[in-house]
Amino acid sequence: MLEDLRKNFMEEKFKMIIYGNKIDILNYKKIESIKDNEIVITSDNKRIYIKGKNLVIIKLVKDEVLIQGLIDRIDYGQI
């Protein structure tokens, strides 16, 4: 049972959670670029393009980034 709890808390898969005007990205590899109208983030095998207006990073830790702003769209492609 303890091992199951540990796996849930220590999950290493890329995950993106969208709520309101925020995007929480977990287990990303690298932030490629930051502009007020586009933020580009790399995961294991994808590059994610977050496009909008007034985009800012409001939380940045080792494996999590929280982005806030007026999000118009999210695109992704293979690296």
Protein backbone atom coordinates (compact mmCIF):
# COMPACT_ATOMS: atom_id res chain seq x y z
CA MET A 1 0.00 0.00 0.00
CA LEU A 2 2.79 2.41 0.87
CA GLU A 3 4.41 1.70 -2.50
CA ASP A 4 1.15 2.61 -4.31
CA LEU A 5 0.98 5.94 -2.48
CA ARG A 6 4.60 6.61 -3.29
CA LYS A 7 4.05 5.94 -7.01
CA ASN A 8 1.12 8.38 -7.10
CA PHE A 9 3.09 11.16 -5.42
CA MET A 10 6.31 10.52 -7.32
CA GLU A 11 4.75 10.21 -10.77
CA GLU A 12 7.25 11.04 -13.49
CA LYS A 13 4.95 11.31 -16.51
CA PHE A 14 4.47 14.63 -18.27
CA LYS A 15 1.15 16.14 -17.25
CA MET A 16 -0.60 19.38 -18.18
CA ILE A 17 -3.57 20.64 -16.17
CA ILE A 18 -5.58 23.59 -17.48
CA TYR A 19 -7.90 25.56 -15.24
CA GLY A 20 -9.20 29.04 -15.87
CA ASN A 21 -6.39 31.29 -17.04
CA LYS A 22 -3.64 28.98 -15.72
CA ILE A 23 -1.73 25.94 -16.98
CA ASP A 24 0.12 23.72 -14.53
CA ILE A 25 2.80 21.60 -16.23
CA LEU A 26 4.39 18.72 -14.34
CA ASN A 27 7.53 16.76 -15.19
CA TYR A 28 8.70 18.97 -18.03
CA LYS A 29 12.31 18.78 -19.25
CA LYS A 30 13.17 22.34 -20.32
CA ILE A 31 11.71 25.79 -20.83
CA GLU A 32 12.86 26.70 -24.34
CA SER A 33 11.67 30.30 -24.49
CA ILE A 34 9.56 32.81 -22.59
CA LYS A 35 7.79 35.74 -24.22
CA ASP A 36 4.65 37.56 -23.15
CA ASN A 37 2.77 36.00 -26.09
CA GLU A 38 4.39 32.52 -26.25
CA ILE A 39 6.07 30.07 -23.89
CA VAL A 40 7.75 26.97 -25.32
CA ILE A 41 8.34 23.94 -23.09
CA THR A 42 9.94 20.59 -23.88
CA SER A 43 8.85 17.24 -22.47
CA ASP A 44 10.45 13.87 -23.17
CA ASN A 45 9.49 13.75 -26.83
CA LYS A 46 7.28 16.78 -27.48
CA ARG A 47 7.61 20.53 -27.71
CA ILE A 48 4.61 22.42 -26.30
CA TYR A 49 3.75 25.92 -27.55
CA ILE A 50 1.52 27.95 -25.24
CA LYS A 51 0.23 31.03 -27.05
CA GLY A 52 -1.73 33.97 -25.71
CA LYS A 53 -1.36 37.38 -24.12
CA ASN A 54 0.32 38.51 -20.90
CA LEU A 55 1.77 35.04 -20.26
CA VAL A 56 3.88 34.85 -17.10
CA ILE A 57 5.40 32.07 -15.05
CA ILE A 58 4.05 32.41 -11.53
CA LYS A 59 5.54 29.22 -10.09
CA LEU A 60 8.74 27.47 -11.05
CA VAL A 61 10.15 24.46 -9.22
CA LYS A 62 12.31 21.53 -10.27
CA ASP A 63 9.55 19.56 -12.00
CA GLU A 64 6.62 21.99 -12.17
CA VAL A 65 5.85 25.26 -13.91
CA LEU A 66 2.64 27.26 -13.49
CA ILE A 67 1.77 29.70 -16.27
CA GLN A 68 -0.87 32.42 -16.05
CA GLY A 69 -2.33 34.69 -18.71
CA LEU A 70 -4.91 34.93 -21.45
CA ILE A 71 -4.33 31.60 -23.17
CA ASP A 72 -5.45 31.48 -26.80
CA ARG A 73 -4.17 28.04 -27.77
CA ILE A 74 -1.78 25.20 -27.05
CA ASP A 75 0.07 23.41 -29.84
CA TYR A 76 2.55 20.58 -29.68
CA GLY A 77 4.78 18.63 -31.99
CA GLN A 78 7.43 15.94 -31.96
CA ILE A 79 11.00 16.96 -31.25
